[in-house]
Amino acid sequence: MSQFPPRPLGDQTAGGVPGFAAFDHRPAPYSAAAIAGFVFSLLICIPVLGGILGLVFGLVGLGSTAGGRRRGRGLAIAAIPLSLLTGFASGLFVYASLSAMRNLITISSRIEPIFQANDAALDDALKAVLAMTTPEFQQEASPEDFRQWLEDVEAEHGKLVELTLDPNMPAETTGDKVVLVLPAKFVQGPATIRVTLKGTGPLNTRLLIDDLSVGDSSPRKQ
């Protein structure tokens, strides 16, 4: 009888070759969640959603790479702060865009009445527009100048019949100002109303009227 105990079966590989199982150094696979989280965390072009997906996949990737079960833990860790930054930046962009659009709609709705109001309602319409003008505009065009300009426009073109407010309206950028080109129809024919806007406040989200013209005529040139 042999004095040596048999080798434990646990030291054998599935193929029956002893001792090889202990030397299996194949690298662990990468975590798909960690990779996805890192990629999504960089997608600023997807407002808000990129940041949310980056954060979710980053947290899932952090769990799947615990204990070395999967590779990519560094990607998962990096995805979390990057996704928060991406979400914040894209959120600011959405906020700024919506604020500017809302402000633009308000300005457009206040411009139209000044070309249509009768004498009794003109003062209120003028005050509403002047409240949304820049200090430079107010220095160069007093309420009296503004009223005289409107009278000159009416004498030349008549009352405003229709003002086209298109979300895709053409705009011209000059430095820190944006010029909106609004096709308009007056009693005596078509004309173009140009509104020069200047951004103020945080992220320049508050738009103010810096100039207003019909054809070559402007209240700042009175």
Protein backbone atom coordinates (compact mmCIF):
# COMPACT_ATOMS: atom_id res chain seq x y z
CA MET A 1 0.00 0.00 0.00
CA SER A 2 1.28 3.48 -0.88
CA GLN A 3 2.19 5.77 2.02
CA PHE A 4 1.29 8.91 0.07
CA PRO A 5 -2.32 10.21 -0.07
CA PRO A 6 -3.86 10.78 -3.49
CA ARG A 7 -3.68 14.29 -4.99
CA PRO A 8 -6.93 16.24 -4.35
CA LEU A 9 -9.16 16.40 -7.38
CA GLY A 10 -9.56 20.16 -6.90
CA ASP A 11 -6.05 20.72 -8.26
CA GLN A 12 -7.02 19.36 -11.63
CA THR A 13 -8.41 21.36 -14.55
CA ALA A 14 -11.57 20.39 -16.37
CA GLY A 15 -9.42 18.41 -18.80
CA GLY A 16 -7.88 16.30 -16.04
CA VAL A 17 -4.41 17.90 -16.23
CA PRO A 18 -3.26 18.54 -12.63
CA GLY A 19 -2.03 21.91 -11.40
CA PHE A 20 -3.10 24.16 -14.34
CA ALA A 21 -6.24 25.68 -12.78
CA ALA A 22 -4.16 27.76 -10.37
CA PHE A 23 -2.36 29.49 -13.27
CA ASP A 24 -5.42 30.84 -15.18
CA HIS A 25 -4.50 34.58 -15.48
CA ARG A 26 -6.91 35.58 -18.23
CA PRO A 27 -7.90 39.28 -17.66
CA ALA A 28 -11.43 39.98 -16.50
CA PRO A 29 -13.76 41.40 -19.18
CA TYR A 30 -14.56 45.11 -19.27
CA SER A 31 -17.78 46.36 -17.71
CA ALA A 32 -20.15 47.49 -20.46
CA ALA A 33 -21.92 49.74 -17.96
CA ALA A 34 -18.67 51.50 -17.01
CA ILE A 35 -17.86 52.16 -20.67
CA ALA A 36 -21.39 53.36 -21.44
CA GLY A 37 -21.37 55.63 -18.40
CA PHE A 38 -18.12 57.26 -19.46
CA VAL A 39 -19.32 57.78 -23.04
CA PHE A 40 -22.68 59.25 -21.99
CA SER A 41 -20.98 61.55 -19.47
CA LEU A 42 -19.19 63.29 -22.36
CA LEU A 43 -22.28 63.83 -24.53
CA ILE A 44 -23.05 67.49 -23.90
CA CYS A 45 -24.90 67.47 -27.23
CA ILE A 46 -27.72 65.47 -25.58
CA PRO A 47 -29.23 68.03 -23.18
CA VAL A 48 -29.74 66.66 -19.64
CA LEU A 49 -30.28 63.08 -20.87
CA GLY A 50 -26.56 62.50 -21.42
CA GLY A 51 -25.80 63.52 -17.84
CA ILE A 52 -28.56 61.32 -16.39
CA LEU A 53 -27.54 58.24 -18.41
CA GLY A 54 -23.87 58.85 -17.62
CA LEU A 55 -24.62 58.97 -13.89
CA VAL A 56 -26.83 55.86 -13.92
CA PHE A 57 -24.43 53.73 -15.97
CA GLY A 58 -21.48 55.05 -13.96
CA LEU A 59 -23.07 53.88 -10.70
CA VAL A 60 -23.96 50.50 -12.23
CA GLY A 61 -20.43 50.20 -13.57
CA LEU A 62 -19.04 51.02 -10.14
CA GLY A 63 -20.95 48.08 -8.70
CA SER A 64 -20.07 45.67 -11.50
CA THR A 65 -16.33 46.39 -11.20
CA ALA A 66 -16.20 45.90 -7.41
CA GLY A 67 -13.71 43.24 -6.33
CA GLY A 68 -12.12 43.08 -9.77
CA ARG A 69 -14.99 41.09 -11.31
CA ARG A 70 -14.94 43.43 -14.29
CA ARG A 71 -12.41 45.93 -15.57
CA GLY A 72 -13.16 49.62 -16.15
CA ARG A 73 -13.57 50.85 -12.58
CA GLY A 74 -11.60 54.01 -13.42
CA LEU A 75 -14.04 54.77 -16.25
CA ALA A 76 -17.02 54.28 -13.92
CA ILE A 77 -15.50 56.55 -11.27
CA ALA A 78 -14.71 59.26 -13.86
CA ALA A 79 -18.21 59.01 -15.36
CA ILE A 80 -19.93 60.12 -12.15
CA PRO A 81 -18.45 63.65 -11.76
CA LEU A 82 -18.31 64.13 -15.53
CA SER A 83 -22.00 63.27 -15.90
CA LEU A 84 -22.91 65.71 -13.12
CA LEU A 85 -20.91 68.43 -14.90
CA THR A 86 -22.44 67.55 -18.26
CA GLY A 87 -25.95 67.57 -16.83
CA PHE A 88 -25.38 70.94 -15.18
CA ALA A 89 -23.93 72.50 -18.34
CA SER A 90 -26.65 71.14 -20.61
CA GLY A 91 -29.30 72.18 -18.09
CA LEU A 92 -27.97 75.73 -18.16
CA PHE A 93 -28.06 75.67 -21.95
CA VAL A 94 -31.69 74.53 -22.00
CA TYR A 95 -32.62 77.13 -19.39
CA ALA A 96 -30.89 79.91 -21.34
CA SER A 97 -32.55 78.85 -24.60
CA LEU A 98 -36.03 78.66 -23.10
CA SER A 99 -35.61 81.98 -21.26
CA ALA A 100 -34.42 83.74 -24.41
CA MET A 101 -37.28 82.28 -26.46
CA ARG A 102 -39.86 83.29 -23.85
CA ASN A 103 -38.37 86.78 -23.70
CA LEU A 104 -38.40 87.01 -27.49
CA ILE A 105 -42.09 86.08 -27.66
CA THR A 106 -42.87 88.78 -25.06
CA ILE A 107 -40.95 91.41 -27.03
CA SER A 108 -42.68 90.45 -30.28
CA SER A 109 -46.11 90.61 -28.65
CA ARG A 110 -45.37 94.14 -27.39
CA ILE A 111 -43.98 95.47 -30.65
CA GLU A 112 -47.06 94.71 -32.74
CA PRO A 113 -49.54 96.91 -30.75
CA ILE A 114 -47.48 100.11 -31.10
CA PHE A 115 -48.06 100.02 -34.87
CA GLN A 116 -51.77 99.27 -34.48
CA ALA A 117 -52.90 101.16 -31.35
CA ASN A 118 -55.14 104.20 -31.58
CA ASP A 119 -54.27 107.40 -29.74
CA ALA A 120 -56.05 106.32 -26.55
CA ALA A 121 -54.07 103.06 -26.24
CA LEU A 122 -50.77 104.26 -27.70
CA ASP A 123 -49.30 105.58 -24.43
CA ASP A 124 -49.70 102.22 -22.68
CA ALA A 125 -48.29 100.37 -25.70
CA LEU A 126 -45.28 102.71 -25.78
CA LYS A 127 -44.59 102.25 -22.05
CA ALA A 128 -44.67 98.46 -22.45
CA VAL A 129 -42.07 98.61 -25.23
CA LEU A 130 -39.86 101.20 -23.52
CA ALA A 131 -39.74 98.97 -20.42
CA MET A 132 -37.89 96.42 -22.56
CA THR A 133 -35.32 98.76 -24.15
CA THR A 134 -31.65 99.28 -23.31
CA PRO A 135 -30.44 102.39 -21.42
CA GLU A 136 -28.72 103.51 -24.63
CA PHE A 137 -32.02 103.37 -26.50
CA GLN A 138 -33.78 105.39 -23.80
CA GLN A 139 -31.03 108.04 -23.81
CA GLU A 140 -31.27 108.60 -27.55
CA ALA A 141 -35.02 108.15 -28.03
CA SER A 142 -37.35 109.85 -25.58
CA PRO A 143 -41.04 108.85 -25.43
CA GLU A 144 -41.82 111.96 -27.49
CA ASP A 145 -39.26 110.94 -30.13
CA PHE A 146 -40.70 107.44 -30.16
CA ARG A 147 -44.25 108.74 -30.65
CA GLN A 148 -43.16 111.10 -33.44
CA TRP A 149 -41.38 108.24 -35.17
CA LEU A 150 -44.51 106.09 -35.02
CA GLU A 151 -46.53 108.93 -36.54
CA ASP A 152 -43.97 109.22 -39.36
CA VAL A 153 -44.14 105.45 -39.99
CA GLU A 154 -47.94 105.56 -40.11
CA ALA A 155 -47.87 108.51 -42.51
CA GLU A 156 -45.58 106.60 -44.86
CA HIS A 157 -46.87 103.03 -44.51
CA GLY A 158 -50.25 103.23 -42.78
CA LYS A 159 -51.30 101.04 -39.86
CA LEU A 160 -49.77 97.62 -39.39
CA VAL A 161 -51.99 94.88 -40.79
CA GLU A 162 -49.93 91.76 -40.18
CA LEU A 163 -46.59 90.93 -38.53
CA THR A 164 -45.01 87.56 -39.30
CA LEU A 165 -43.67 85.89 -36.15
CA ASP A 166 -41.87 82.77 -37.33
CA PRO A 167 -39.81 80.66 -34.84
CA ASN A 168 -37.30 80.26 -37.68
CA MET A 169 -37.30 83.97 -38.46
CA PRO A 170 -34.05 85.20 -40.04
CA ALA A 171 -31.56 86.81 -37.67
CA GLU A 172 -28.33 88.72 -38.21
CA THR A 173 -25.60 88.73 -35.57
CA THR A 174 -23.45 91.83 -35.15
CA GLY A 175 -21.01 91.59 -32.24
CA ASP A 176 -22.99 91.15 -29.02
CA LYS A 177 -26.30 92.01 -30.71
CA VAL A 178 -28.85 90.08 -32.72
CA VAL A 179 -31.02 91.69 -35.37
CA LEU A 180 -34.37 90.07 -36.09
CA VAL A 181 -35.84 90.65 -39.53
CA LEU A 182 -39.64 90.59 -39.33
CA PRO A 183 -41.65 90.71 -42.57
CA ALA A 184 -44.66 92.99 -42.05
CA LYS A 185 -47.67 94.07 -44.06
CA PHE A 186 -48.95 97.64 -43.69
CA VAL A 187 -52.03 99.25 -45.20
CA GLN A 188 -49.94 100.78 -47.98
CA GLY A 189 -47.88 97.66 -48.68
CA PRO A 190 -45.20 95.34 -47.27
CA ALA A 191 -42.22 96.58 -45.26
CA THR A 192 -39.55 95.07 -43.04
CA ILE A 193 -39.35 95.67 -39.30
CA ARG A 194 -35.87 95.15 -37.88
CA VAL A 195 -35.48 94.62 -34.14
CA THR A 196 -31.98 94.88 -32.67
CA LEU A 197 -31.70 92.92 -29.42
CA LYS A 198 -28.96 92.97 -26.81
CA GLY A 199 -28.54 90.26 -24.18
CA THR A 200 -28.22 91.21 -20.51
CA GLY A 201 -28.29 89.45 -17.16
CA PRO A 202 -26.94 85.97 -16.33
CA LEU A 203 -25.95 84.10 -19.49
CA ASN A 204 -27.40 87.03 -21.50
CA THR A 205 -30.83 85.39 -21.24
CA ARG A 206 -32.71 88.68 -20.84
CA LEU A 207 -33.08 90.37 -24.22
CA LEU A 208 -33.61 94.10 -24.49
CA ILE A 209 -34.49 96.19 -27.53
CA ASP A 210 -31.50 98.27 -28.58
CA ASP A 211 -33.03 99.61 -31.77
CA LEU A 212 -36.20 99.33 -33.84
CA SER A 213 -36.59 100.35 -37.43
CA VAL A 214 -38.96 100.22 -40.35
CA GLY A 215 -37.04 100.53 -43.56
CA ASP A 216 -34.29 103.06 -42.88
CA SER A 217 -36.25 104.89 -40.19
CA SER A 218 -35.52 104.46 -36.48
CA PRO A 219 -36.55 106.35 -33.31
CA ARG A 220 -32.86 106.56 -32.37
CA LYS A 221 -32.25 108.62 -35.49
CA GLN A 222 -34.99 111.18 -34.84
